[in-house]
């Protein structure tokens, strides 16, 4: 259905050597949050937090204490 590029996420987590990751998802992907967290935590030695508040796009950054924030949305960003 969707390619969430979880292997890229795992690679970035390992590269940055982070310990806590916040996952921010749009409403349509929130039902998949446990599946996403389980995948990441099984591949990396990290603790994942799920942001369940509203999300109005990439500029809507939650105020949470974490080493890395990962956001998924509808548009591809190239960086």
Protein backbone atom coordinates (compact mmCIF):
# COMPACT_ATOMS: atom_id res chain seq x y z
CA UNK A 1 0.00 0.00 0.00
CA UNK A 2 2.55 2.61 1.16
CA UNK A 3 6.32 2.50 1.12
CA UNK A 4 7.24 4.05 4.45
CA UNK A 5 10.95 3.51 3.70
CA UNK A 6 11.49 1.93 7.11
CA UNK A 7 14.89 0.58 6.06
CA UNK A 8 16.00 4.19 5.46
CA UNK A 9 14.69 5.10 8.90
CA UNK A 10 16.66 2.28 10.52
CA UNK A 11 19.81 3.27 8.62
CA UNK A 12 19.48 6.91 9.76
CA UNK A 13 18.87 5.90 13.39
CA UNK A 14 21.96 3.69 13.40
CA UNK A 15 24.05 6.36 11.64
CA UNK A 16 23.09 9.04 14.16
CA UNK A 17 23.34 6.61 17.12
CA UNK A 18 20.19 7.98 18.73
CA UNK A 19 18.48 6.42 21.74
CA UNK A 20 14.98 7.97 21.61
CA UNK A 21 12.88 8.48 18.50
CA UNK A 22 9.56 10.28 18.21
CA UNK A 23 7.27 9.05 15.45
CA UNK A 24 4.81 11.61 14.07
CA UNK A 25 2.17 10.30 11.69
CA UNK A 26 -0.76 11.78 9.81
CA UNK A 27 -4.19 10.55 10.93
CA UNK A 28 -4.42 7.94 8.16
CA UNK A 29 -1.22 6.20 9.28
CA UNK A 30 -1.83 6.29 13.04
CA UNK A 31 -3.49 2.83 12.98
CA UNK A 32 -0.12 1.48 11.72
CA UNK A 33 1.87 3.13 14.53
CA UNK A 34 2.44 -0.03 16.58
CA UNK A 35 3.60 -1.92 13.50
CA UNK A 36 6.04 0.89 12.64
CA UNK A 37 7.38 1.14 16.21
CA UNK A 38 7.78 -2.63 16.52
CA UNK A 39 9.77 -2.72 13.27
CA UNK A 40 12.09 0.11 14.33
CA UNK A 41 12.62 -1.15 17.89
CA UNK A 42 13.35 -4.67 16.64
CA UNK A 43 15.99 -3.40 14.21
CA UNK A 44 17.59 -0.74 16.45
CA UNK A 45 18.41 -0.34 20.11
CA UNK A 46 16.06 2.64 20.58
CA UNK A 47 12.96 3.64 22.47
CA UNK A 48 10.18 4.96 20.23
CA UNK A 49 7.57 7.48 21.29
CA UNK A 50 4.41 7.94 19.26
CA UNK A 51 3.08 11.48 18.94
CA UNK A 52 -0.70 11.10 19.02
CA UNK A 53 -1.49 14.80 18.90
CA UNK A 54 -2.69 16.54 15.80
CA UNK A 55 -0.36 16.99 12.85
CA UNK A 56 -0.84 19.73 10.29
CA UNK A 57 2.22 18.99 8.19
CA UNK A 58 6.00 19.12 8.45
CA UNK A 59 5.97 22.54 10.12
CA UNK A 60 3.87 21.15 13.01
CA UNK A 61 6.73 19.91 15.19
CA UNK A 62 5.78 18.50 18.59
CA UNK A 63 7.52 19.74 21.71
CA UNK A 64 8.89 16.42 22.96
CA UNK A 65 12.23 15.37 24.39
CA UNK A 66 13.80 12.96 21.89
CA UNK A 67 17.00 12.53 19.91
CA UNK A 68 15.30 12.19 16.52
CA UNK A 69 11.87 13.15 15.17
CA UNK A 70 10.58 11.18 12.20
CA UNK A 71 7.56 12.53 10.35
CA UNK A 72 5.59 10.87 7.59
CA UNK A 73 3.31 12.79 5.27
CA UNK A 74 1.79 12.84 1.84
CA UNK A 75 4.56 14.55 -0.12
CA UNK A 76 8.08 13.37 -0.77
CA UNK A 77 10.85 15.60 0.57
CA UNK A 78 14.28 15.49 -0.92
CA UNK A 79 17.08 16.54 1.40
